[in-house]
Amino acid sequence: MMTQGFADKDMMTDILSSQKNITSIYNTYANECACPSLKADMMNILNEEHQIQHDVFCEMQKRGWYQTEPAEMTKVNEAKQQYMSMSK
């Protein structure tokens, strides 16, 4: 009997989800480091994991598996104004 494996899209979706979780975990570790050299190491690893996540995201977009819609300019401007009022 032949077992059915994951399709490429399913594997990429799983990888992207895993990378999102990994970056969250490393972010928590980096935030809680008291030792400067350990924090630097965690930040380097976090950056590498974010790059992997971004690479997977871009590959999925290229294949049409992860579509995003452009933000409406009114919403972008509202967010800018809200941020600017918070920073004053």
N, C-alpha and C. Protein backbone atom coordinates (compact mmCIF):
# COMPACT_ATOMS: atom_id res chain seq x y z
N MET A 1 0.85 -1.17 0.00
CA MET A 1 0.00 0.00 0.00
C MET A 1 0.90 1.24 0.00
N MET A 2 0.54 2.20 -0.85
CA MET A 2 1.33 3.42 -0.98
C MET A 2 0.74 4.51 -0.09
N THR A 3 1.61 5.17 0.67
CA THR A 3 1.13 6.26 1.51
C THR A 3 1.29 7.57 0.76
N GLN A 4 0.38 8.46 1.02
CA GLN A 4 0.41 9.75 0.35
C GLN A 4 1.21 10.74 1.18
N GLY A 5 2.16 11.43 0.57
CA GLY A 5 2.98 12.40 1.28
C GLY A 5 2.39 13.79 1.17
N PHE A 6 3.10 14.72 1.76
CA PHE A 6 2.69 16.11 1.70
C PHE A 6 3.01 16.69 0.33
N ALA A 7 2.16 17.56 -0.14
CA ALA A 7 2.44 18.30 -1.36
C ALA A 7 3.43 19.41 -1.01
N ASP A 8 4.12 19.93 -2.03
CA ASP A 8 5.10 20.99 -1.80
C ASP A 8 4.49 22.17 -1.06
N LYS A 9 3.29 22.56 -1.45
CA LYS A 9 2.64 23.70 -0.80
C LYS A 9 2.40 23.41 0.67
N ASP A 10 1.97 22.21 1.00
CA ASP A 10 1.74 21.85 2.40
C ASP A 10 3.03 21.89 3.21
N MET A 11 4.12 21.40 2.61
CA MET A 11 5.40 21.41 3.31
C MET A 11 5.88 22.84 3.53
N MET A 12 5.75 23.68 2.51
CA MET A 12 6.18 25.07 2.64
C MET A 12 5.34 25.81 3.68
N THR A 13 4.05 25.53 3.72
CA THR A 13 3.18 26.15 4.71
C THR A 13 3.60 25.74 6.11
N ASP A 14 3.93 24.47 6.28
CA ASP A 14 4.39 23.97 7.57
C ASP A 14 5.73 24.60 7.96
N ILE A 15 6.63 24.72 7.00
CA ILE A 15 7.94 25.34 7.27
C ILE A 15 7.76 26.79 7.68
N LEU A 16 6.90 27.52 6.96
CA LEU A 16 6.67 28.93 7.30
C LEU A 16 6.09 29.06 8.70
N SER A 17 5.14 28.22 9.03
CA SER A 17 4.54 28.25 10.37
C SER A 17 5.60 27.94 11.43
N SER A 18 6.43 26.95 11.17
CA SER A 18 7.49 26.58 12.11
C SER A 18 8.48 27.73 12.29
N GLN A 19 8.85 28.38 11.20
CA GLN A 19 9.79 29.49 11.29
C GLN A 19 9.21 30.65 12.09
N LYS A 20 7.93 30.91 11.93
CA LYS A 20 7.28 31.96 12.72
C LYS A 20 7.36 31.63 14.21
N ASN A 21 7.14 30.37 14.55
CA ASN A 21 7.22 29.95 15.96
C ASN A 21 8.66 30.03 16.47
N ILE A 22 9.61 29.62 15.64
CA ILE A 22 11.01 29.65 16.05
C ILE A 22 11.46 31.08 16.32
N THR A 23 11.09 32.02 15.43
CA THR A 23 11.50 33.41 15.65
C THR A 23 10.88 33.97 16.93
N SER A 24 9.67 33.55 17.21
CA SER A 24 9.03 34.01 18.44
C SER A 24 9.78 33.51 19.68
N ILE A 25 10.20 32.27 19.64
CA ILE A 25 10.94 31.69 20.77
C ILE A 25 12.29 32.37 20.94
N TYR A 26 13.05 32.52 19.84
CA TYR A 26 14.35 33.19 19.94
C TYR A 26 14.20 34.64 20.37
N ASN A 27 13.13 35.29 19.95
CA ASN A 27 12.89 36.67 20.39
C ASN A 27 12.73 36.73 21.90
N THR A 28 11.97 35.80 22.45
CA THR A 28 11.79 35.75 23.91
C THR A 28 13.13 35.51 24.60
N TYR A 29 13.91 34.56 24.08
CA TYR A 29 15.23 34.29 24.68
C TYR A 29 16.11 35.53 24.63
N ALA A 30 16.13 36.21 23.48
CA ALA A 30 16.97 37.40 23.34
C ALA A 30 16.53 38.50 24.30
N ASN A 31 15.23 38.65 24.48
CA ASN A 31 14.72 39.66 25.40
C ASN A 31 15.11 39.39 26.84
N GLU A 32 15.31 38.15 27.20
CA GLU A 32 15.55 37.79 28.60
C GLU A 32 17.02 37.53 28.93
N CYS A 33 17.92 37.76 27.96
CA CYS A 33 19.34 37.53 28.21
C CYS A 33 19.92 38.64 29.08
N ALA A 34 20.60 38.25 30.14
CA ALA A 34 21.27 39.22 30.99
C ALA A 34 22.74 39.36 30.60
N CYS A 35 23.29 38.36 29.99
CA CYS A 35 24.69 38.35 29.58
C CYS A 35 24.81 38.96 28.17
N PRO A 36 25.58 40.03 28.02
CA PRO A 36 25.69 40.70 26.71
C PRO A 36 26.15 39.79 25.57
N SER A 37 27.11 38.92 25.82
CA SER A 37 27.59 38.05 24.73
C SER A 37 26.53 37.01 24.34
N LEU A 38 25.81 36.50 25.32
CA LEU A 38 24.73 35.56 25.02
C LEU A 38 23.61 36.26 24.26
N LYS A 39 23.30 37.49 24.67
CA LYS A 39 22.27 38.26 23.96
C LYS A 39 22.68 38.49 22.51
N ALA A 40 23.95 38.82 22.28
CA ALA A 40 24.44 39.03 20.91
C ALA A 40 24.29 37.75 20.09
N ASP A 41 24.61 36.61 20.69
CA ASP A 41 24.45 35.33 20.00
C ASP A 41 22.97 35.07 19.66
N MET A 42 22.11 35.33 20.63
CA MET A 42 20.67 35.13 20.39
C MET A 42 20.15 36.05 19.30
N MET A 43 20.64 37.28 19.29
CA MET A 43 20.22 38.25 18.26
C MET A 43 20.69 37.80 16.87
N ASN A 44 21.91 37.25 16.80
CA ASN A 44 22.41 36.75 15.53
C ASN A 44 21.57 35.57 15.03
N ILE A 45 21.26 34.66 15.94
CA ILE A 45 20.42 33.52 15.57
C ILE A 45 19.04 34.00 15.17
N LEU A 46 18.48 34.94 15.93
CA LEU A 46 17.16 35.48 15.61
C LEU A 46 17.14 36.09 14.22
N ASN A 47 18.18 36.85 13.89
CA ASN A 47 18.27 37.45 12.56
C ASN A 47 18.33 36.38 11.47
N GLU A 48 19.12 35.34 11.70
CA GLU A 48 19.20 34.24 10.73
C GLU A 48 17.85 33.56 10.55
N GLU A 49 17.15 33.33 11.64
CA GLU A 49 15.84 32.67 11.56
C GLU A 49 14.82 33.55 10.85
N HIS A 50 14.89 34.87 11.09
CA HIS A 50 13.99 35.78 10.37
C HIS A 50 14.29 35.75 8.88
N GLN A 51 15.56 35.64 8.51
CA GLN A 51 15.92 35.59 7.09
C GLN A 51 15.38 34.31 6.46
N ILE A 52 15.49 33.19 7.16
CA ILE A 52 14.94 31.93 6.66
C ILE A 52 13.44 32.06 6.46
N GLN A 53 12.75 32.64 7.46
CA GLN A 53 11.30 32.84 7.37
C GLN A 53 10.96 33.70 6.16
N HIS A 54 11.72 34.76 5.95
CA HIS A 54 11.47 35.66 4.82
C HIS A 54 11.71 34.94 3.49
N ASP A 55 12.76 34.15 3.42
CA ASP A 55 13.06 33.39 2.19
C ASP A 55 11.92 32.43 1.85
N VAL A 56 11.41 31.74 2.85
CA VAL A 56 10.29 30.81 2.63
C VAL A 56 9.06 31.59 2.18
N PHE A 57 8.77 32.70 2.85
CA PHE A 57 7.64 33.55 2.49
C PHE A 57 7.74 34.00 1.03
N CYS A 58 8.92 34.48 0.63
CA CYS A 58 9.12 34.96 -0.75
C CYS A 58 8.94 33.83 -1.76
N GLU A 59 9.45 32.65 -1.43
CA GLU A 59 9.29 31.51 -2.33
C GLU A 59 7.82 31.13 -2.48
N MET A 60 7.08 31.17 -1.38
CA MET A 60 5.65 30.86 -1.44
C MET A 60 4.91 31.91 -2.27
N GLN A 61 5.27 33.17 -2.10
CA GLN A 61 4.64 34.23 -2.90
C GLN A 61 4.95 34.03 -4.38
N LYS A 62 6.19 33.71 -4.69
CA LYS A 62 6.62 33.50 -6.07
C LYS A 62 5.81 32.39 -6.73
N ARG A 63 5.47 31.36 -5.96
CA ARG A 63 4.72 30.23 -6.49
C ARG A 63 3.20 30.46 -6.44
N GLY A 64 2.79 31.61 -5.90
CA GLY A 64 1.36 31.91 -5.81
C GLY A 64 0.65 31.23 -4.66
N TRP A 65 1.42 30.78 -3.65
CA TRP A 65 0.85 30.06 -2.52
C TRP A 65 0.59 30.94 -1.31
N TYR A 66 1.06 32.17 -1.33
CA TYR A 66 0.86 33.08 -0.20
C TYR A 66 0.66 34.47 -0.78
N GLN A 67 -0.57 34.80 -1.01
CA GLN A 67 -0.89 36.09 -1.62
C GLN A 67 -1.22 37.12 -0.55
N THR A 68 -0.70 38.30 -0.75
CA THR A 68 -1.01 39.42 0.14
C THR A 68 -1.65 40.52 -0.69
N GLU A 69 -2.51 41.27 -0.05
CA GLU A 69 -3.15 42.39 -0.73
C GLU A 69 -2.48 43.68 -0.31
N PRO A 70 -2.30 44.59 -1.26
CA PRO A 70 -1.70 45.89 -0.87
C PRO A 70 -2.63 46.63 0.09
N ALA A 71 -2.03 47.32 1.02
CA ALA A 71 -2.82 48.10 1.98
C ALA A 71 -3.41 49.33 1.29
N GLU A 72 -4.60 49.68 1.70
CA GLU A 72 -5.22 50.89 1.18
C GLU A 72 -4.46 52.09 1.74
N MET A 73 -4.21 53.09 0.90
CA MET A 73 -3.45 54.27 1.33
C MET A 73 -4.12 54.98 2.51
N THR A 74 -5.44 54.97 2.56
CA THR A 74 -6.10 55.63 3.69
C THR A 74 -5.75 54.93 5.00
N LYS A 75 -5.68 53.60 4.97
CA LYS A 75 -5.33 52.85 6.17
C LYS A 75 -3.85 53.05 6.54
N VAL A 76 -3.00 53.14 5.52
CA VAL A 76 -1.58 53.40 5.78
C VAL A 76 -1.42 54.76 6.42
N ASN A 77 -2.10 55.76 5.89
CA ASN A 77 -2.01 57.11 6.45
C ASN A 77 -2.59 57.19 7.85
N GLU A 78 -3.68 56.45 8.11
CA GLU A 78 -4.26 56.41 9.46
C GLU A 78 -3.26 55.81 10.45
N ALA A 79 -2.60 54.74 10.03
CA ALA A 79 -1.61 54.10 10.91
C ALA A 79 -0.44 55.03 11.17
N LYS A 80 0.00 55.75 10.15
CA LYS A 80 1.09 56.72 10.33
C LYS A 80 0.70 57.80 11.33
N GLN A 81 -0.51 58.33 11.17
CA GLN A 81 -0.97 59.38 12.06
C GLN A 81 -1.08 58.87 13.49
N GLN A 82 -1.59 57.66 13.64
CA GLN A 82 -1.73 57.07 14.98
C GLN A 82 -0.35 56.89 15.61
N TYR A 83 0.62 56.43 14.84
CA TYR A 83 1.96 56.23 15.36
C TYR A 83 2.60 57.57 15.73
N MET A 84 2.41 58.54 14.86
CA MET A 84 3.00 59.86 15.12
C MET A 84 2.42 60.48 16.40
N SER A 85 1.13 60.29 16.63
CA SER A 85 0.52 60.85 17.85
C SER A 85 1.01 60.12 19.11
N MET A 86 1.36 58.83 18.97
CA MET A 86 1.87 58.06 20.10
C MET A 86 3.30 58.46 20.44
N SER A 87 4.06 58.88 19.44
CA SER A 87 5.48 59.18 19.68
C SER A 87 5.71 60.59 20.19
N LYS A 88 4.66 61.39 20.28
CA LYS A 88 4.82 62.78 20.77
C LYS A 88 4.77 62.84 22.27
